[in-house]
Protein backbone atom coordinates (compact mmCIF):
# COMPACT_ATOMS: atom_id res chain seq x y z
CA MET A 1 -1.36 28.23 -22.92
CA ALA A 2 1.02 28.69 -25.85
CA MET A 3 3.61 30.40 -23.64
CA GLY A 4 3.35 27.45 -21.28
CA GLY A 5 3.90 25.02 -24.13
CA VAL A 6 6.84 26.75 -25.75
CA ILE A 7 8.91 27.39 -22.59
CA GLY A 8 9.71 23.96 -21.25
CA THR A 9 12.26 21.18 -21.66
CA GLY A 10 13.66 22.78 -24.82
CA ILE A 11 15.26 25.58 -22.82
CA PHE A 12 15.59 24.03 -19.37
CA LYS A 13 17.22 20.77 -20.45
CA GLY A 14 17.56 20.80 -24.24
CA SER A 15 19.77 23.90 -24.06
CA ALA A 16 22.59 21.62 -22.86
CA GLU A 17 22.30 19.72 -26.15
CA THR A 18 22.30 22.85 -28.32
CA ILE A 19 25.16 24.53 -26.44
CA GLY A 20 27.17 21.33 -26.74
CA LEU A 21 26.64 21.36 -30.52
CA ALA A 22 27.39 25.02 -31.27
CA GLY A 23 28.89 26.62 -28.17
CA PRO A 24 27.95 30.21 -27.26
CA GLY A 25 27.11 30.87 -30.92
CA VAL A 26 23.99 28.77 -30.53
CA VAL A 27 22.23 32.01 -29.63
CA LEU A 28 22.26 32.72 -33.40
CA THR A 29 20.38 29.47 -33.94
CA TYR A 30 17.68 30.56 -31.50
CA LEU A 31 17.40 33.94 -33.22
CA PHE A 32 17.11 32.29 -36.65
CA GLY A 33 14.47 29.91 -35.34
CA GLY A 34 12.65 32.89 -33.86
CA LEU A 35 12.45 34.53 -37.29
CA LEU A 36 10.87 31.38 -38.74
CA LEU A 37 8.45 31.28 -35.81
CA LEU A 38 7.53 34.90 -36.45
CA VAL A 39 6.39 34.13 -40.00
CA VAL A 40 4.48 30.99 -39.01
CA MET A 41 2.67 32.75 -36.18
CA GLY A 42 1.86 35.62 -38.52
CA ALA A 43 0.36 33.16 -41.01
CA ILE A 44 -1.76 31.58 -38.25
CA ALA A 45 -2.93 35.01 -37.11
CA GLU A 46 -3.94 35.98 -40.64
CA LEU A 47 -5.79 32.73 -41.29
CA ALA A 48 -7.53 32.93 -37.91
CA SER A 49 -8.82 36.41 -38.67
CA VAL A 50 -10.45 35.12 -41.88
CA TYR A 51 -11.57 31.69 -40.69
CA PRO A 52 -12.55 32.12 -37.02
CA ASN A 53 -13.01 29.21 -34.62
CA ARG A 54 -10.79 26.92 -36.67
CA ASN A 55 -7.43 25.32 -35.95
CA MET A 56 -4.36 24.47 -38.05
CA LYS A 57 -5.86 21.26 -39.38
CA ASP A 58 -8.89 23.19 -40.55
CA PHE A 59 -6.69 25.70 -42.38
CA VAL A 60 -4.93 22.87 -44.21
CA ARG A 61 -8.29 21.28 -45.05
CA GLN A 62 -9.58 24.57 -46.45
CA ALA A 63 -6.50 24.88 -48.64
CA PHE A 64 -5.70 21.34 -49.74
CA GLY A 65 -8.61 19.08 -48.84
CA PRO A 66 -9.26 16.32 -46.30
CA ARG A 67 -6.28 14.02 -46.94
CA PRO A 68 -3.48 16.51 -46.15
CA ALA A 69 -5.56 17.80 -43.20
CA PHE A 70 -5.90 14.24 -41.91
CA ILE A 71 -2.13 13.73 -42.10
CA VAL A 72 -1.31 17.09 -40.47
CA GLY A 73 -3.85 16.49 -37.69
CA TRP A 74 -2.42 13.11 -36.78
CA LEU A 75 1.15 14.39 -37.12
CA TYR A 76 0.38 17.19 -34.69
CA ALA A 77 -1.20 14.74 -32.25
CA PHE A 78 1.91 12.55 -32.60
CA LEU A 79 4.06 15.63 -31.97
CA MET A 80 2.19 16.58 -28.81
CA LEU A 81 2.16 13.00 -27.47
CA THR A 82 5.93 12.75 -28.01
CA VAL A 83 6.47 16.07 -26.27
CA CYS A 84 4.37 14.83 -23.32
CA VAL A 85 6.76 11.91 -22.89
CA ILE A 86 9.80 14.19 -23.22
CA GLU A 87 8.49 16.58 -20.58
CA VAL A 88 7.70 13.90 -17.99
CA VAL A 89 11.08 12.23 -18.60
CA ALA A 90 12.70 15.64 -18.07
CA ALA A 91 10.67 16.13 -14.89
CA GLY A 92 11.88 12.75 -13.66
CA SER A 93 15.51 13.63 -14.41
CA PHE A 94 15.17 16.92 -12.51
CA LEU A 95 13.66 15.08 -9.53
CA GLN A 96 16.72 12.80 -9.53
CA TYR A 97 18.72 15.86 -8.47
CA TRP A 98 17.22 15.25 -5.01
CA MET A 99 16.52 11.51 -5.32
CA PRO A 100 19.45 10.06 -7.27
CA GLY A 101 18.69 6.56 -6.05
CA VAL A 102 15.16 6.47 -7.46
CA PRO A 103 14.92 5.07 -11.03
CA LEU A 104 14.04 7.56 -13.74
CA TRP A 105 11.01 5.58 -14.90
CA ILE A 106 9.35 5.72 -11.47
CA LEU A 107 9.76 9.49 -11.17
CA SER A 108 8.55 9.94 -14.77
CA LEU A 109 5.48 7.80 -14.08
CA ALA A 110 4.66 9.82 -10.95
CA SER A 111 4.97 13.06 -12.94
CA ALA A 112 2.69 11.65 -15.64
CA ALA A 113 0.04 10.69 -13.07
CA LEU A 114 0.06 14.24 -11.68
CA ILE A 115 -0.48 16.02 -15.00
CA LEU A 116 -3.13 13.53 -16.10
CA GLY A 117 -5.02 14.33 -12.91
CA ILE A 118 -4.79 18.07 -13.65
CA ASN A 119 -6.11 17.49 -17.17
CA ARG A 120 -9.17 15.77 -15.73
CA LEU A 121 -10.27 19.13 -14.32
CA SER A 122 -12.71 21.43 -16.06
CA VAL A 123 -11.40 23.71 -18.80
CA GLU A 124 -11.67 26.78 -16.52
CA THR A 125 -9.84 25.12 -13.61
CA PHE A 126 -7.23 23.64 -15.92
CA GLY A 127 -6.64 27.01 -17.58
CA GLU A 128 -6.17 28.76 -14.25
CA THR A 129 -3.78 26.05 -13.05
CA GLU A 130 -1.76 26.31 -16.23
CA PHE A 131 -1.72 30.11 -15.95
CA TRP A 132 0.00 29.92 -12.56
CA LEU A 133 2.40 27.15 -13.61
CA ALA A 134 3.41 29.11 -16.72
CA GLY A 135 3.71 32.28 -14.65
CA ILE A 136 6.12 30.60 -12.22
CA LYS A 137 8.58 29.61 -14.92
CA ILE A 138 8.41 32.96 -16.69
CA VAL A 139 9.22 34.75 -13.41
CA MET A 140 11.99 32.23 -12.79
CA ILE A 141 13.63 32.96 -16.16
CA VAL A 142 13.49 36.71 -15.50
CA VAL A 143 15.06 36.25 -12.04
CA PHE A 144 17.70 33.89 -13.46
CA VAL A 145 18.67 36.40 -16.16
CA ILE A 146 18.92 39.27 -13.65
CA LEU A 147 20.87 37.16 -11.14
CA GLY A 148 23.11 35.74 -13.87
CA ALA A 149 23.86 39.16 -15.34
CA GLY A 150 24.77 40.42 -11.87
CA LEU A 151 27.16 37.49 -11.36
CA LEU A 152 28.54 37.85 -14.88
CA PHE A 153 29.60 41.48 -14.44
CA GLY A 154 30.39 41.42 -10.72
CA LEU A 155 27.33 43.40 -9.62
CA ILE A 156 26.39 40.48 -7.36
CA PRO A 157 29.28 38.88 -5.44
CA GLY A 158 29.82 35.19 -6.20
CA THR A 159 31.68 32.65 -4.08
CA THR A 160 34.12 31.38 -6.69
CA GLY A 161 36.31 34.43 -7.31
CA GLU A 162 36.25 37.17 -9.91
CA ALA A 163 33.32 37.79 -12.24
CA PRO A 164 33.94 36.06 -15.60
CA GLY A 165 32.70 38.99 -17.69
CA LEU A 166 32.82 38.13 -21.41
CA ILE A 167 35.74 35.68 -21.22
CA ASN A 168 33.72 32.49 -21.68
CA TYR A 169 32.20 33.77 -24.93
CA THR A 170 35.58 33.77 -26.68
CA ALA A 171 37.62 31.20 -24.70
CA HIS A 172 37.48 27.41 -25.15
CA GLY A 173 37.48 27.53 -28.93
CA GLY A 174 35.77 30.86 -29.47
CA PHE A 175 32.19 32.00 -30.02
CA LEU A 176 31.63 29.23 -32.61
CA PRO A 177 34.05 26.51 -31.48
CA ASN A 178 32.61 23.93 -33.90
CA GLY A 179 32.36 26.27 -36.89
CA TRP A 180 29.51 28.08 -38.63
CA LEU A 181 27.81 24.87 -39.69
CA SER A 182 27.22 24.02 -36.03
CA ILE A 183 24.55 26.75 -36.00
CA PHE A 184 22.46 24.57 -38.28
CA SER A 185 23.27 21.29 -36.52
CA ALA A 186 21.46 22.60 -33.45
CA LEU A 187 18.36 23.64 -35.39
CA LEU A 188 16.37 20.45 -34.82
CA VAL A 189 16.44 20.83 -31.03
CA VAL A 190 15.70 24.56 -31.38
CA MET A 191 12.68 23.82 -33.57
CA PHE A 192 11.46 21.42 -30.90
CA SER A 193 12.00 24.17 -28.32
CA TYR A 194 9.83 26.62 -30.24
CA GLY A 195 7.23 23.99 -31.01
CA GLY A 196 4.11 24.57 -28.94
CA SER A 197 3.52 28.06 -30.25
CA GLU A 198 0.92 26.51 -32.55
CA LEU A 199 -1.27 25.96 -29.48
CA ILE A 200 -2.62 29.43 -30.18
CA GLY A 201 -4.11 27.95 -33.35
CA LEU A 202 -5.77 25.23 -31.28
CA THR A 203 -7.02 27.40 -28.43
CA LEU A 204 -8.83 29.68 -30.89
CA THR A 205 -11.83 27.37 -30.69
CA GLU A 206 -12.11 28.12 -26.96
CA ALA A 207 -11.24 31.84 -27.05
CA LYS A 208 -13.51 34.88 -27.31
CA ASP A 209 -12.97 37.54 -30.00
CA ALA A 210 -10.13 35.57 -31.63
CA GLU A 211 -10.05 37.95 -34.60
CA LYS A 212 -9.22 40.94 -32.36
CA VAL A 213 -7.05 39.14 -29.83
CA MET A 214 -4.86 37.09 -32.17
CA PRO A 215 -2.82 39.85 -33.91
CA ARG A 216 -2.01 41.54 -30.60
CA VAL A 217 -0.98 38.24 -29.00
CA VAL A 218 1.33 37.32 -31.88
CA LYS A 219 3.19 40.62 -31.84
CA SER A 220 4.05 40.38 -28.13
CA PHE A 221 4.42 36.61 -28.02
CA ILE A 222 7.25 36.39 -30.55
CA VAL A 223 9.41 38.98 -28.80
CA ARG A 224 8.93 37.34 -25.43
CA VAL A 225 9.75 33.85 -26.65
CA VAL A 226 12.98 34.93 -28.36
CA LEU A 227 14.07 36.90 -25.28
CA PHE A 228 13.21 34.05 -22.92
CA TYR A 229 15.54 31.79 -24.92
CA THR A 230 18.43 34.01 -26.02
CA LEU A 231 19.05 35.84 -22.74
CA PRO A 232 19.24 32.69 -20.56
CA ILE A 233 21.55 31.06 -23.14
CA LEU A 234 23.85 34.09 -23.01
CA VAL A 235 23.89 33.95 -19.21
CA ILE A 236 24.61 30.22 -19.14
CA CYS A 237 27.46 30.45 -21.65
CA GLY A 238 28.88 33.49 -19.88
CA LEU A 239 28.97 31.97 -16.40
CA ILE A 240 30.25 28.49 -17.22
CA PRO A 241 32.39 27.29 -20.18
CA TRP A 242 30.18 25.73 -22.84
CA ASN A 243 32.18 22.48 -22.85
CA GLN A 244 31.66 21.90 -19.12
CA LEU A 245 27.90 21.40 -19.29
CA ALA A 246 27.13 17.74 -18.77
CA GLY A 247 25.03 15.24 -16.86
CA GLN A 248 21.32 14.99 -16.22
CA ALA A 249 20.88 18.23 -14.29
CA SER A 250 19.57 21.34 -16.05
CA PRO A 251 22.16 23.88 -17.27
CA PHE A 252 20.34 26.40 -15.05
CA VAL A 253 21.14 24.33 -11.96
CA GLN A 254 24.69 23.55 -13.13
CA VAL A 255 25.44 27.24 -13.59
CA LEU A 256 24.27 28.18 -10.10
CA GLU A 257 26.19 25.28 -8.57
CA ALA A 258 29.33 26.26 -10.48
CA THR A 259 29.05 29.82 -9.18
CA GLY A 260 28.68 28.57 -5.61
CA LEU A 261 24.98 29.34 -5.19
CA SER A 262 23.94 25.82 -4.22
CA SER A 263 20.90 27.00 -2.22
CA ALA A 264 19.59 28.90 -5.21
CA ALA A 265 20.22 25.80 -7.32
CA HIS A 266 17.73 23.84 -5.19
CA ILE A 267 15.12 26.55 -5.61
CA ILE A 268 15.71 26.71 -9.36
CA ASN A 269 15.45 22.92 -9.65
CA PHE A 270 12.08 22.98 -7.88
CA ILE A 271 10.84 25.63 -10.31
CA LEU A 272 12.20 23.62 -13.24
CA VAL A 273 10.11 20.63 -12.19
CA THR A 274 6.96 22.78 -12.17
CA ALA A 275 8.04 24.34 -15.48
CA VAL A 276 8.35 21.10 -17.44
CA LEU A 277 5.14 19.81 -15.87
CA SER A 278 3.48 22.99 -17.13
CA ALA A 279 4.80 22.28 -20.64
CA ALA A 280 3.54 18.69 -20.38
CA ASN A 281 0.16 20.09 -19.34
CA SER A 282 0.03 22.25 -22.44
CA SER A 283 1.09 19.35 -24.66
CA ILE A 284 -1.64 17.08 -23.31
CA TYR A 285 -4.14 19.88 -23.84
CA GLY A 286 -3.03 20.23 -27.47
CA ALA A 287 -3.05 16.47 -28.09
CA THR A 288 -6.47 15.83 -26.54
CA ARG A 289 -8.14 18.75 -28.33
CA MET A 290 -6.70 17.75 -31.70
CA LEU A 291 -7.65 14.09 -31.23
CA HIS A 292 -11.15 15.05 -30.06
CA SER A 293 -11.56 17.35 -33.07
CA MET A 294 -10.48 14.59 -35.44
CA ALA A 295 -12.72 12.01 -33.77
CA ALA A 296 -15.69 14.38 -34.04
CA ALA A 297 -14.93 14.75 -37.76
CA GLY A 298 -14.71 10.99 -38.26
CA GLU A 299 -10.94 11.06 -38.79
CA ALA A 300 -10.09 9.19 -35.58
CA PRO A 301 -11.76 6.40 -33.56
CA LYS A 302 -15.09 7.49 -32.09
CA ALA A 303 -13.94 6.57 -28.58
CA LEU A 304 -11.57 9.56 -28.67
CA ALA A 305 -14.54 11.93 -28.97
CA ALA A 306 -15.96 11.00 -25.53
CA THR A 307 -16.13 13.89 -23.04
CA THR A 308 -17.08 14.33 -19.39
CA ASP A 309 -19.95 16.49 -18.20
CA LYS A 310 -17.40 19.32 -17.79
CA GLY A 311 -16.32 19.07 -21.43
CA VAL A 312 -12.99 17.32 -20.78
CA PRO A 313 -12.11 14.99 -23.73
CA VAL A 314 -11.68 11.95 -21.52
CA GLY A 315 -11.44 9.53 -24.44
CA SER A 316 -8.39 11.30 -25.84
CA LEU A 317 -6.99 11.68 -22.33
CA ARG A 318 -7.01 7.89 -21.92
CA LEU A 319 -4.88 7.57 -25.04
CA CYS A 320 -2.44 10.13 -23.61
CA ALA A 321 -2.27 8.09 -20.40
CA ALA A 322 -1.41 4.96 -22.39
CA VAL A 323 1.34 6.79 -24.30
CA LEU A 324 2.83 8.19 -21.07
CA LEU A 325 2.82 4.69 -19.59
CA LEU A 326 4.73 3.44 -22.64
CA GLY A 327 7.14 6.35 -22.16
CA ALA A 328 7.80 5.26 -18.57
CA VAL A 329 8.45 1.70 -19.79
CA ALA A 330 10.88 3.06 -22.41
CA ALA A 331 12.63 5.08 -19.68
CA PHE A 332 13.00 1.84 -17.69
CA PHE A 333 15.04 0.30 -20.51
CA ALA A 334 16.74 3.34 -22.05
CA GLY A 335 17.23 5.60 -19.03
CA ASP A 336 18.24 9.20 -19.70
CA SER A 337 19.36 8.35 -23.26
CA LEU A 338 15.64 8.25 -24.12
CA PHE A 339 15.59 12.03 -23.80
CA SER A 340 18.26 12.58 -26.47
CA PHE A 341 16.56 10.15 -28.83
CA LEU A 342 13.13 11.73 -28.48
CA LEU A 343 14.30 15.34 -28.88
CA ALA A 344 14.76 15.02 -32.65
CA VAL A 345 11.29 13.53 -33.21
CA PRO A 346 9.13 16.59 -32.41
CA GLY A 347 11.71 18.91 -33.98
CA PHE A 348 11.27 17.21 -37.36
CA VAL A 349 7.47 17.08 -37.07
CA VAL A 350 7.37 20.79 -36.18
CA LEU A 351 9.11 21.52 -39.49
CA ILE A 352 6.36 19.67 -41.38
CA VAL A 353 3.48 21.29 -39.45
CA TRP A 354 4.93 24.80 -39.77
CA GLY A 355 5.56 24.26 -43.48
CA SER A 356 1.94 23.14 -43.93
CA VAL A 357 0.66 26.32 -42.27
CA CYS A 358 2.80 28.49 -44.58
CA LEU A 359 1.61 26.65 -47.69
CA ALA A 360 -2.02 26.93 -46.56
CA GLN A 361 -1.68 30.69 -46.13
CA LEU A 362 -0.06 31.02 -49.57
CA LYS A 363 -2.86 29.03 -51.18
CA LEU A 364 -5.78 30.69 -49.39
CA ARG A 365 -4.85 34.40 -49.46
CA PRO A 366 -6.13 35.00 -53.06
CA GLN A 367 -9.50 33.40 -52.24
CA TYR A 368 -10.29 34.83 -48.80
CA PRO A 369 -14.06 35.31 -48.34
CA LYS A 370 -13.36 38.53 -46.42
CA ALA A 371 -10.47 40.91 -45.76
CA PRO A 372 -8.21 39.76 -42.90
CA THR A 373 -7.82 42.02 -39.87
CA PHE A 374 -4.13 41.03 -39.75
CA ARG A 375 -1.89 40.63 -42.80
CA ILE A 376 1.52 39.02 -42.78
CA TRP A 377 4.08 41.32 -44.35
CA GLY A 378 6.00 40.58 -47.55
CA TYR A 379 3.40 38.24 -49.04
CA PRO A 380 4.00 35.99 -50.91
CA TYR A 381 7.80 36.15 -50.75
CA ILE A 382 8.38 35.94 -46.98
CA THR A 383 5.94 33.06 -46.47
CA ALA A 384 7.25 31.17 -49.50
CA LEU A 385 10.87 31.65 -48.41
CA THR A 386 10.03 30.37 -44.92
CA ALA A 387 8.35 27.28 -46.38
CA VAL A 388 11.45 26.60 -48.52
CA VAL A 389 13.81 27.07 -45.57
CA LEU A 390 11.76 24.69 -43.42
CA ALA A 391 11.85 22.11 -46.23
CA VAL A 392 15.63 22.49 -46.64
CA ILE A 393 16.17 22.05 -42.89
CA ALA A 394 13.98 18.93 -42.88
CA ALA A 395 15.85 17.49 -45.88
CA GLY A 396 19.18 18.22 -44.24
CA PHE A 397 18.26 16.24 -41.16
CA LEU A 398 16.92 13.35 -43.21
CA VAL A 399 20.42 12.71 -44.55
CA ASN A 400 22.22 13.32 -41.24
CA PRO A 401 23.41 9.93 -39.91
CA GLN A 402 23.33 11.19 -36.31
CA ASN A 403 19.54 11.53 -36.52
CA ARG A 404 19.02 8.29 -38.41
CA LEU A 405 17.01 6.42 -35.77
CA SER A 406 14.87 9.39 -34.66
CA ILE A 407 14.13 10.59 -38.18
CA GLY A 408 13.48 6.99 -39.24
CA VAL A 409 10.65 6.86 -36.70
CA CYS A 410 9.23 10.15 -38.02
CA VAL A 411 9.40 9.04 -41.65
CA GLY A 412 7.81 5.72 -40.73
CA VAL A 413 4.91 7.47 -39.00
CA LEU A 414 4.51 9.87 -41.94
CA LEU A 415 4.40 7.03 -44.48
CA LEU A 416 1.90 5.15 -42.32
CA LEU A 417 -0.37 8.20 -42.19
CA ILE A 418 -0.12 8.70 -45.95
CA VAL A 419 -1.14 5.09 -46.61
CA TRP A 420 -3.91 5.35 -44.00
CA SER A 421 -5.26 8.56 -45.55
CA VAL A 422 -5.27 7.06 -49.04
CA ALA A 423 -7.17 3.98 -47.84
CA LYS A 424 -9.58 5.95 -45.68
CA PHE A 425 -10.62 8.57 -48.20
CA LYS A 426 -10.65 6.10 -51.07
CA LYS A 427 -13.39 4.24 -49.19
CA SER A 428 -15.34 7.43 -48.51
CA GLU A 429 -15.09 8.47 -52.16
CA ALA A 430 -16.20 5.07 -53.45
């Protein structure tokens, strides 16, 4: 589930944004983001081994009380709902590769209807469906990397002339054409790309032997995620100059078209559609489970706690359907520019959620009721440093005028939740 959530639009479409910001050197941004992810996932693993059958919101509640947990829970639901819209808009834009005359909002709405139908299935059926969808895109990335490496070094004959080798990494302005600071300018999209890993914290409530499984999953998961991002980025930047990536099509498709493999580009585009739908699936899963959990705890409207006989949180699913419908309406007015606007929203929220997990682990470690089966290394320095870095990144993007509208939405939502939490818990305490 978490692998399905983390490998989606961020790499398949968002990579065009990050490469445009930093050039080939953006691979350093992905590696840096991977290090932050490593610490956050380690903190989740440690907390899960001590407090089984709980999710991130529960960890924050245990550490800081109900108000911060309320805010983090709703922020995470907001994050997942935003990602759902991003993924279906991306799916619509990929479908336009074959149907350029069909409006983006119609294709996005059709994609939304499909994933909502899948989420109506039982947990077992949904999980198996998501397993195969996630498997398809993982295999596709592996094949793309192997094919791209072959084209890059002339092991596989292309149709456009000589193999580029390493030329495109240093040409067109160099490895970092926009300077070292460009590494950090791409961080917000990268944080969005890695967002979704927290789904492991949510799926703990539906997993067996979480204490034993979690540490093993984290160790392998981090390596795979970093490799699934850095290697494709290196292939893309090696096969096509970084400043020639443009348009609505995925960089994966653009690369194969540029190298003359148009037939393969059609196959890749089909897989990309299934890949972003898989990520949307995971996002809806995360949103509905968080909303259902909050409704059951009295922190959200009771209607969101309704479930079907098969245990599907249908009340929360209806809210997701309404949000996706609003996303399709927004796509009608904004078109593909909606994608660029929305990308910064989940990236900023991920920074807050990850920082909350780190702070919860720092607070709770001295008072664990039992010894954890997994301990994050370098405590408390590594976790504290990660929390500080996440805060610095968030502050940096708050003052960046390019993100003004997107971050303004995030800050507005955060302030609304703070006011709501104060009013809600003031009543309960009275």
